[in-house]
Every structure is written in C-alpha cells, then in structure tokens.
Amino acid sequence: MRKKNLTILGSTGSIGKSALDVVRHIHPHLRVVALSARSNIALLEEQVREFSPLVVAVFERDKAEELQARIPHVKVLAGLEGLETVARLEECDIVLAALSGTIGILPTIAALEEGKQIALANKEVLVSAGEYVMELAAKKGIKLLPVDSEHNAIFQCLEGRDPATIRRIILTASGGPFLHHPFEKLSDISVEMALNHPTWRMGVKNTIDSSTLMNKGLEVIEARWLFGVPVEKIDVVIHPQSIIHSMVEFVDGSIIAQMSQTDMRLPIQFALTYPDRLQGLLPPFNFREHTRLDFLPVDMQKFRCLHLAYEVLRRQGSFPCYLNAANEVFVSRFCKGEISWMDIATKLERLIEGHKARSMNSVHDILAIDSLARAEAANT
C-alpha cells in the first residue's frame, strides 16, 4: 500500500494510543502529520517528540499555551478551531476521529468537508448527526471506515455484498460487569464496580456506558446510519467472551461473523490500511484457550438504556442527539457521586418522554439540541 499521512483527533485516549502502536508497527506505511488532545499535554508532548507531527491541537486553551512553551519547534493550536484546523490539514490523507464525546462532531465534519478519508471511532458523530454526516460523506464520495470493533466487524462481513440481501445486523455485547448482577442489588452499584469491565479496557465514559449497555444502544443508532438499515433489522445479543465482534444474517439464512482476540489495534489497523491488509500485531488465534462461545438474550428491564436507544431511533429527528448529550451529563454526574447508577436510565427516560422533536437541518440545529439536553440533564 502507498504511504498515508495520518491525523489523530484524540491521540492521548485509549483509541489514540492504540493507533500509535499500529503506527509503530507499520511505520513504513503510515506517517503522523497531526495530533490533538483535550488536555493531557504531558502524554501529548511525549507523542510529539516521538512522531514529529507538523502541527498539534489542544482543546483547552491554557493547556495549549503551556504545551507551546514546551515544544516551540511545533505549532500548537488551541480550542475547537484548532481541532478543526488540524482536521483540514492539507498534508493529511486520513483522519482518525477518536475524540470522546460531542467535541468530535465539528472536527469530523471539517475533515469530511475537505474530502479527507475518515476512520471513525467517535460514536457521537453519527448518533448526534448521523443523517447530516452521511449525506455529507455521500456528497464528497467518502466511505466512512468504522473503528469500533462491532461496526468494523459488520463492515468486514458486508464487503462486496448487496445491502438488499441483509436480513439482520447482529451486534454482540459482552454484557459488562453486571450481566449476572441481581436486579435487586442494582441500586448498590458504585463507580468502581461500573469501571471494572470484564473484557475491554477503555476510557471512563465508554466503560460506564458499557456497564449500562448504553454503549450498545449508541452502536445500534450508529449502525442504522453506517449501513443504511432500518432499526427493525438491528439486533443485539450478549456474547460474554467478546470473541465474535458482530455478525450479519442474510436473507438465505447464512450468518457471517468476524472474530478475533479482544484487541482494538486490529480494527484500528484495518481502518487505517483499508483496502489493504498488512501483517498485524496479534499472534495466531488459539482455539485451545477459547473453547466456548456463549450467547444470551438481553434483559431490557435491567439494561433500560439499551431500550431507550431503540426508542429514540424509532422516533428519529432530534431524539438520538438529545439522548446522547443527556446521557453524557448523567454519566459524569454518576462518576461524581451525584446520582446513582440506576438514575442514569431513570432520569434519561423522564427527559426523553418530555422532549419535543425539533428540526435537525444544520450543524447549528445539532449543537442547539446538544446544548438543550445538557442543560436539562444537569438540572434533573
């Protein structure tokens, strides 16, 4: 494959760090031209010194100024404008969108507007702005390359196949730390318990979402836009081993699954090197160590957040964007000890029932709904 110039939006997060592992592994094929972070300038400085990007962006302005003083030989941009600037960088071929939360929406749109290839690892981009983003990608002739292990798996299963032959997309979920937790003890869940994920190591927000299965709900919404299928054709099944990352069932009854070890470097490398495949970092799969593949139905009473995600997707309009932003606030409040784990779903449901659908015809509309949801969630 020809060498690609890479910009990483969110290089200090778990996806960003794994992506840089991939760069180290296949460095003749990838060159880092820009890095960005929200505030972790200590790690960002280390990354700059190792990978020598042309430019860097830091969302928090005071941190950007501090980093610029440390690395005067590299231009450091600040704020949301800085993130958008590195996303549009002329020298860049592919942008890894790995900023956590809605902060990643505008830089991803900026990259699409410039015709950049997108490796998408930010769920919120499609959950909050799915229709807008997919229409823009189609207009620019850009295929979004999913990095989430589940959507990356579906992408691989669907390659070269007629979408009309899809019967179901089946997203797998580990079930998180509370799969077998008694319902009557859900009110006792602590932050530490929720952060103890059995199979994946992720950032705080994604890990809490995995404990409530909101992460799977967001993935259902994301899948609807990525693959153009109606909500009725998207199922979720519990698969505790997290070996099969997702499946597609076709109209003739055949099911194609993608499976591998639980290591995000695999889907990251696939997205960054697509359409080529290069030697990966993982050893050959050992079937003697993985002798079971279990599948269980989802308990929608226990995991109400997943139920709510399906509900807002059926309502469409501003509802998915509203759900995403409100959930982000409630997760933060849970981590601060202000609300309980069960309150996340209970308060979300109350807000969604009171939400009146609004137009979503522009980026301004999207950001207005996001802001409204955050304000209402902060006071509920």
Protein backbone atom coordinates (compact mmCIF):
# COMPACT_ATOMS: atom_id res chain seq x y z
CA MET A 1 0.00 0.00 0.00
CA ARG A 2 1.09 3.59 -0.55
CA LYS A 3 2.15 5.60 2.48
CA LYS A 4 -0.69 7.53 4.14
CA ASN A 5 -0.42 10.75 6.12
CA LEU A 6 -2.43 10.42 9.34
CA THR A 7 -4.09 12.94 11.65
CA ILE A 8 -5.28 11.63 15.02
CA LEU A 9 -8.06 13.54 16.76
CA GLY A 10 -7.74 12.31 20.34
CA SER A 11 -4.23 10.84 20.40
CA THR A 12 -3.99 10.62 24.21
CA GLY A 13 -7.12 8.49 24.65
CA SER A 14 -7.26 4.70 24.54
CA ILE A 15 -8.00 4.57 20.80
CA GLY A 16 -5.37 7.18 20.01
CA LYS A 17 -2.69 5.35 21.99
CA SER A 18 -3.57 2.05 20.31
CA ALA A 19 -3.43 3.77 16.93
CA LEU A 20 0.10 4.95 17.64
CA ASP A 21 1.02 1.34 18.48
CA VAL A 22 -0.21 0.48 15.00
CA VAL A 23 1.87 3.31 13.51
CA ARG A 24 4.96 1.96 15.27
CA HIS A 25 4.20 -1.49 13.88
CA ILE A 26 3.67 -0.45 10.25
CA HIS A 27 5.59 2.84 10.22
CA PRO A 28 6.72 2.50 6.58
CA HIS A 29 3.04 2.78 5.60
CA LEU A 30 1.79 5.50 7.98
CA ARG A 31 3.18 8.95 8.80
CA VAL A 32 1.72 11.06 11.61
CA VAL A 33 1.21 14.64 10.42
CA ALA A 34 -1.02 15.98 13.22
CA LEU A 35 -2.04 15.06 16.77
CA SER A 36 -4.64 16.51 19.10
CA ALA A 37 -5.94 16.09 22.63
CA ARG A 38 -8.39 17.65 25.04
CA SER A 39 -5.98 18.42 27.89
CA ASN A 40 -3.39 15.67 28.52
CA ILE A 41 -0.37 17.64 27.37
CA ALA A 42 2.16 15.52 29.30
CA LEU A 43 1.43 12.49 27.14
CA LEU A 44 0.89 14.62 24.05
CA GLU A 45 4.35 16.11 24.45
CA GLU A 46 5.86 12.60 24.54
CA GLN A 47 3.95 11.69 21.39
CA VAL A 48 5.10 14.84 19.61
CA ARG A 49 8.74 14.12 20.40
CA GLU A 50 8.40 10.54 19.13
CA PHE A 51 6.32 11.07 15.99
CA SER A 52 7.30 14.63 14.93
CA PRO A 53 3.92 15.86 13.62
CA LEU A 54 3.70 19.05 11.59
CA VAL A 55 1.11 20.60 13.92
CA VAL A 56 -0.68 19.86 17.21
CA ALA A 57 -4.02 20.98 18.68
CA VAL A 58 -5.17 21.13 22.30
CA PHE A 59 -8.81 21.87 23.12
CA GLU A 60 -8.16 23.58 26.47
CA ARG A 61 -6.52 26.91 25.66
CA ASP A 62 -4.39 27.26 28.78
CA LYS A 63 -3.00 23.77 28.21
CA ALA A 64 -2.24 24.67 24.58
CA GLU A 65 -0.24 27.69 25.68
CA GLU A 66 1.65 25.59 28.21
CA LEU A 67 2.48 22.93 25.61
CA GLN A 68 3.61 25.55 23.08
CA ALA A 69 6.18 26.78 25.60
CA ARG A 70 7.48 23.20 25.96
CA ILE A 71 7.68 22.47 22.23
CA PRO A 72 8.42 25.80 20.50
CA HIS A 73 9.55 23.97 17.34
CA VAL A 74 5.99 22.67 16.65
CA LYS A 75 2.93 24.86 16.11
CA VAL A 76 0.30 24.27 18.82
CA LEU A 77 -3.26 25.33 18.00
CA ALA A 78 -5.96 25.90 20.63
CA GLY A 79 -9.68 25.41 21.11
CA LEU A 80 -12.29 23.90 18.85
CA GLU A 81 -10.94 25.97 15.96
CA GLY A 82 -7.57 24.30 16.46
CA LEU A 83 -9.13 20.84 16.26
CA GLU A 84 -10.96 21.79 13.08
CA THR A 85 -7.75 23.20 11.56
CA VAL A 86 -5.75 20.01 12.06
CA ALA A 87 -8.71 18.01 10.71
CA ARG A 88 -8.50 20.07 7.49
CA LEU A 89 -4.70 19.85 7.22
CA GLU A 90 -3.71 19.81 3.54
CA GLU A 91 -0.96 17.22 4.03
CA CYS A 92 -3.37 14.75 5.68
CA ASP A 93 -4.84 11.76 3.80
CA ILE A 94 -6.82 10.07 6.58
CA VAL A 95 -8.25 11.36 9.87
CA LEU A 96 -8.76 9.06 12.84
CA ALA A 97 -11.72 10.63 14.66
CA ALA A 98 -11.18 9.38 18.21
CA LEU A 99 -12.15 12.36 20.37
CA SER A 100 -14.56 11.26 23.07
CA GLY A 101 -17.96 12.94 23.20
CA THR A 102 -19.65 15.59 21.09
CA ILE A 103 -16.44 17.62 20.95
CA GLY A 104 -15.54 15.39 18.00
CA ILE A 105 -18.52 16.30 15.79
CA LEU A 106 -17.31 19.58 14.28
CA PRO A 107 -13.70 18.45 13.58
CA THR A 108 -15.03 15.31 11.86
CA ILE A 109 -17.39 17.38 9.73
CA ALA A 110 -14.49 19.72 8.92
CA ALA A 111 -12.42 16.76 7.71
CA LEU A 112 -15.30 15.50 5.56
CA GLU A 113 -15.75 18.95 4.03
CA GLU A 114 -12.11 18.82 2.96
CA GLY A 115 -12.63 15.37 1.41
CA LYS A 116 -10.48 13.51 3.92
CA GLN A 117 -10.86 9.77 4.44
CA ILE A 118 -12.36 9.16 7.91
CA ALA A 119 -11.58 6.30 10.30
CA LEU A 120 -14.44 6.80 12.74
CA ALA A 121 -14.04 5.90 16.41
CA ASN A 122 -16.35 8.56 17.84
CA LYS A 123 -19.88 7.17 18.28
CA GLU A 124 -21.37 10.57 19.00
CA VAL A 125 -20.66 11.84 15.47
CA LEU A 126 -23.27 9.51 13.95
CA VAL A 127 -25.55 9.29 16.99
CA SER A 128 -25.98 13.06 17.14
CA ALA A 129 -25.55 13.96 13.49
CA GLY A 130 -25.99 10.71 11.56
CA GLU A 131 -28.18 11.91 8.71
CA TYR A 132 -26.21 15.12 8.20
CA VAL A 133 -22.82 13.37 8.27
CA MET A 134 -23.83 10.52 5.96
CA GLU A 135 -25.29 12.93 3.41
CA LEU A 136 -22.07 14.98 3.50
CA ALA A 137 -19.93 11.83 3.12
CA ALA A 138 -22.02 10.71 0.13
CA LYS A 139 -21.73 14.16 -1.46
CA LYS A 140 -17.95 14.05 -1.08
CA GLY A 141 -17.72 10.41 -2.23
CA ILE A 142 -16.20 9.31 1.07
CA LYS A 143 -16.75 5.91 2.69
CA LEU A 144 -16.64 6.12 6.49
CA LEU A 145 -14.39 3.38 7.88
CA PRO A 146 -15.67 2.27 11.30
CA VAL A 147 -13.13 1.63 14.05
CA ASP A 148 -15.44 0.37 16.82
CA SER A 149 -14.88 -3.38 16.91
CA GLU A 150 -18.59 -4.12 16.32
CA HIS A 151 -19.06 -1.85 13.32
CA ASN A 152 -15.67 -2.76 11.93
CA ALA A 153 -16.78 -6.42 12.10
CA ILE A 154 -20.03 -5.67 10.25
CA PHE A 155 -18.12 -3.65 7.64
CA GLN A 156 -15.88 -6.65 7.01
CA CYS A 157 -18.85 -9.05 6.84
CA LEU A 158 -20.66 -6.83 4.32
CA GLU A 159 -17.75 -6.08 1.99
CA GLY A 160 -18.85 -6.51 -1.61
CA ARG A 161 -22.36 -7.69 -0.72
CA ASP A 162 -25.67 -6.23 -1.82
CA PRO A 163 -27.33 -4.40 1.14
CA ALA A 164 -30.69 -5.73 -0.07
CA THR A 165 -29.59 -9.23 0.97
CA ILE A 166 -29.28 -8.28 4.66
CA ARG A 167 -31.84 -9.88 6.95
CA ARG A 168 -30.29 -8.73 10.23
CA ILE A 169 -27.26 -6.98 11.62
CA ILE A 170 -26.41 -8.60 14.95
CA LEU A 171 -24.30 -6.55 17.35
CA THR A 172 -22.63 -8.53 20.12
CA ALA A 173 -22.30 -7.17 23.66
CA SER A 174 -20.15 -8.54 26.46
CA GLY A 175 -22.87 -7.72 28.98
CA GLY A 176 -20.43 -5.67 31.03
CA PRO A 177 -19.73 -6.15 34.74
CA PHE A 178 -23.41 -6.50 35.71
CA LEU A 179 -24.57 -9.24 33.36
CA HIS A 180 -25.25 -11.58 36.28
CA HIS A 181 -25.75 -8.90 38.94
CA PRO A 182 -29.07 -9.42 40.80
CA PHE A 183 -31.71 -6.88 39.80
CA GLU A 184 -32.50 -6.05 43.42
CA LYS A 185 -28.86 -5.02 44.01
CA LEU A 186 -28.54 -2.63 41.07
CA SER A 187 -29.14 0.33 43.38
CA ASP A 188 -25.90 -0.51 45.24
CA ILE A 189 -23.59 -0.20 42.21
CA SER A 190 -20.56 2.03 42.79
CA VAL A 191 -18.40 3.86 40.28
CA GLU A 192 -15.55 1.43 40.97
CA MET A 193 -17.81 -1.53 40.22
CA ALA A 194 -19.04 0.04 36.98
CA LEU A 195 -15.47 0.71 35.82
CA ASN A 196 -14.47 -2.95 36.26
CA HIS A 197 -15.22 -4.17 32.73
CA PRO A 198 -14.59 -7.91 32.24
CA THR A 199 -13.06 -7.87 28.74
CA TRP A 200 -12.26 -4.38 27.41
CA ARG A 201 -10.04 -1.57 28.70
CA MET A 202 -11.48 1.80 27.68
CA GLY A 203 -11.87 5.36 28.86
CA VAL A 204 -14.18 6.20 31.78
CA LYS A 205 -17.16 7.38 29.68
CA ASN A 206 -17.16 4.32 27.40
CA THR A 207 -16.69 1.96 30.33
CA ILE A 208 -19.66 3.37 32.25
CA ASP A 209 -21.73 3.22 29.05
CA SER A 210 -20.72 -0.43 28.72
CA SER A 211 -21.99 -1.14 32.22
CA THR A 212 -25.44 0.28 31.40
CA LEU A 213 -25.34 -1.09 27.81
CA MET A 214 -25.83 2.46 26.56
CA ASN A 215 -22.69 1.87 24.51
CA LYS A 216 -24.61 -0.84 22.65
CA GLY A 217 -27.57 1.47 22.25
CA LEU A 218 -25.36 4.12 20.70
CA GLU A 219 -23.92 1.44 18.42
CA VAL A 220 -27.43 0.46 17.30
CA ILE A 221 -28.07 4.08 16.28
CA GLU A 222 -24.65 4.30 14.64
CA ALA A 223 -25.24 1.07 12.69
CA ARG A 224 -28.50 2.42 11.33
CA TRP A 225 -26.62 5.28 9.63
CA LEU A 226 -23.40 3.49 8.72
CA PHE A 227 -25.10 0.59 6.97
CA GLY A 228 -28.40 2.14 5.92
CA VAL A 229 -30.65 -0.45 7.55
CA PRO A 230 -33.87 0.22 9.49
CA VAL A 231 -33.98 -0.27 13.25
CA GLU A 232 -36.09 -3.43 12.81
CA LYS A 233 -33.08 -5.13 11.20
CA ILE A 234 -30.62 -4.42 14.03
CA ASP A 235 -30.43 -6.89 16.92
CA VAL A 236 -28.22 -7.16 20.00
CA VAL A 237 -27.11 -10.42 21.60
CA ILE A 238 -25.00 -10.93 24.74
CA HIS A 239 -21.72 -12.71 23.99
CA PRO A 240 -19.63 -12.65 27.21
CA GLN A 241 -16.37 -13.86 25.63
CA SER A 242 -16.23 -10.90 23.20
CA ILE A 243 -14.59 -13.12 20.58
CA ILE A 244 -17.24 -12.68 17.89
CA HIS A 245 -17.38 -8.93 17.43
CA SER A 246 -20.60 -8.86 15.39
CA MET A 247 -22.49 -10.79 12.72
CA VAL A 248 -24.64 -10.32 9.65
CA GLU A 249 -27.51 -12.67 8.80
CA PHE A 250 -28.51 -12.73 5.14
CA VAL A 251 -31.90 -13.42 3.59
CA ASP A 252 -30.96 -17.01 2.72
CA GLY A 253 -30.27 -17.78 6.40
CA SER A 254 -26.47 -17.65 6.23
CA ILE A 255 -24.69 -15.84 9.07
CA ILE A 256 -21.21 -14.37 8.59
CA ALA A 257 -19.29 -13.39 11.73
CA GLN A 258 -15.99 -11.64 12.32
CA MET A 259 -13.98 -12.91 15.28
CA SER A 260 -10.60 -12.24 16.85
CA GLN A 261 -8.94 -11.55 20.16
CA THR A 262 -10.21 -8.53 22.11
CA ASP A 263 -7.61 -6.02 20.97
CA MET A 264 -8.59 -2.68 19.43
CA ARG A 265 -5.37 -2.50 17.44
CA LEU A 266 -6.86 -4.94 14.94
CA PRO A 267 -9.88 -2.85 13.82
CA ILE A 268 -7.76 0.31 14.01
CA GLN A 269 -5.16 -1.15 11.65
CA PHE A 270 -7.88 -2.46 9.32
CA ALA A 271 -9.42 1.02 9.04
CA LEU A 272 -6.11 2.85 8.61
CA THR A 273 -4.79 0.48 5.92
CA TYR A 274 -8.07 -0.21 4.08
CA PRO A 275 -8.48 -1.60 1.44
CA ASP A 276 -5.19 -3.40 2.05
CA ARG A 277 -4.41 -5.90 4.81
CA LEU A 278 -0.97 -5.94 6.42
CA GLN A 279 0.67 -8.23 8.96
CA GLY A 280 -0.93 -7.45 12.33
CA LEU A 281 0.30 -7.24 15.90
CA LEU A 282 -1.74 -10.18 17.22
CA PRO A 283 -0.46 -13.77 17.37
CA PRO A 284 -2.49 -16.53 15.67
CA PHE A 285 -5.82 -17.17 17.41
CA ASN A 286 -5.54 -20.03 19.92
CA PHE A 287 -8.72 -22.11 19.89
CA ARG A 288 -7.45 -24.23 22.78
CA GLU A 289 -7.61 -21.17 25.02
CA HIS A 290 -11.05 -20.12 23.74
CA THR A 291 -13.23 -23.21 23.80
CA ARG A 292 -16.63 -21.59 24.42
CA LEU A 293 -18.79 -19.10 22.57
CA ASP A 294 -21.91 -18.32 24.61
CA PHE A 295 -24.90 -16.24 23.53
CA LEU A 296 -27.65 -14.83 25.75
CA PRO A 297 -30.66 -12.56 25.24
CA VAL A 298 -30.54 -9.00 26.62
CA ASP A 299 -32.54 -8.25 29.77
CA MET A 300 -34.14 -4.97 28.71
CA GLN A 301 -35.51 -4.34 32.22
CA LYS A 302 -32.05 -4.44 33.73
CA PHE A 303 -30.46 -2.53 30.86
CA ARG A 304 -33.05 0.18 30.24
CA CYS A 305 -30.53 2.39 28.44
CA LEU A 306 -30.46 -0.02 25.50
CA HIS A 307 -34.26 0.03 25.38
CA LEU A 308 -34.20 3.85 25.33
CA ALA A 309 -31.73 3.89 22.44
CA TYR A 310 -34.06 1.75 20.36
CA GLU A 311 -36.94 4.03 21.32
CA VAL A 312 -35.23 7.27 20.24
CA LEU A 313 -34.09 5.65 16.99
CA ARG A 314 -37.70 4.80 16.18
CA ARG A 315 -38.70 8.41 16.89
CA GLN A 316 -35.65 9.76 15.00
CA GLY A 317 -35.42 13.53 14.47
CA SER A 318 -33.71 15.27 17.39
CA PHE A 319 -34.24 12.38 19.82
CA PRO A 320 -30.95 10.45 19.30
CA CYS A 321 -28.89 13.66 19.61
CA TYR A 322 -30.82 14.60 22.75
CA LEU A 323 -30.32 11.13 24.28
CA ASN A 324 -26.59 11.16 23.61
CA ALA A 325 -25.94 14.56 25.20
CA ALA A 326 -28.15 13.93 28.24
CA ASN A 327 -26.51 10.55 28.82
CA GLU A 328 -23.06 12.14 28.75
CA VAL A 329 -24.11 14.51 31.53
CA PHE A 330 -25.69 11.75 33.62
CA VAL A 331 -22.58 9.57 33.30
CA SER A 332 -20.47 12.49 34.53
CA ARG A 333 -22.85 13.08 37.43
CA PHE A 334 -22.74 9.39 38.36
CA CYS A 335 -18.93 9.46 38.37
CA LYS A 336 -19.05 12.48 40.71
CA GLY A 337 -21.39 10.65 43.10
CA GLU A 338 -24.33 12.99 42.42
CA ILE A 339 -26.70 10.29 41.13
CA SER A 340 -26.90 6.50 41.28
CA TRP A 341 -26.18 4.02 38.51
CA MET A 342 -29.90 3.30 38.12
CA ASP A 343 -30.61 7.04 37.95
CA ILE A 344 -28.81 7.23 34.60
CA ALA A 345 -31.60 5.30 32.85
CA THR A 346 -34.44 6.58 35.04
CA LYS A 347 -33.60 10.24 34.51
CA LEU A 348 -32.93 9.71 30.82
CA GLU A 349 -36.33 8.12 30.33
CA ARG A 350 -38.03 11.01 32.11
CA LEU A 351 -36.27 13.59 29.94
CA ILE A 352 -36.93 11.73 26.68
CA GLU A 353 -40.64 11.48 27.43
CA GLY A 354 -40.77 15.24 27.89
CA HIS A 355 -38.68 16.12 24.84
CA LYS A 356 -40.43 17.75 21.89
CA ALA A 357 -38.93 16.88 18.50
CA ARG A 358 -37.03 19.68 16.79
CA SER A 359 -35.59 20.19 13.31
CA MET A 360 -32.08 18.88 12.58
CA ASN A 361 -31.26 20.57 9.27
CA SER A 362 -27.88 22.08 10.10
CA VAL A 363 -24.87 21.85 12.38
CA HIS A 364 -26.38 24.77 14.32
CA ASP A 365 -29.53 22.71 14.96
CA ILE A 366 -27.47 19.73 16.12
CA LEU A 367 -25.44 21.82 18.56
CA ALA A 368 -28.58 23.55 19.85
CA ILE A 369 -30.22 20.20 20.70
CA ASP A 370 -26.99 19.02 22.32
CA SER A 371 -26.84 22.17 24.46
CA LEU A 372 -30.52 21.89 25.43
CA ALA A 373 -30.14 18.28 26.53
CA ARG A 374 -27.07 19.05 28.62
CA ALA A 375 -28.80 21.91 30.39
CA GLU A 376 -31.88 19.85 31.18
CA ALA A 377 -29.83 16.83 32.32
CA ALA A 378 -27.74 19.00 34.62
CA ASN A 379 -30.90 20.16 36.43
CA THR A 380 -32.83 16.89 36.57
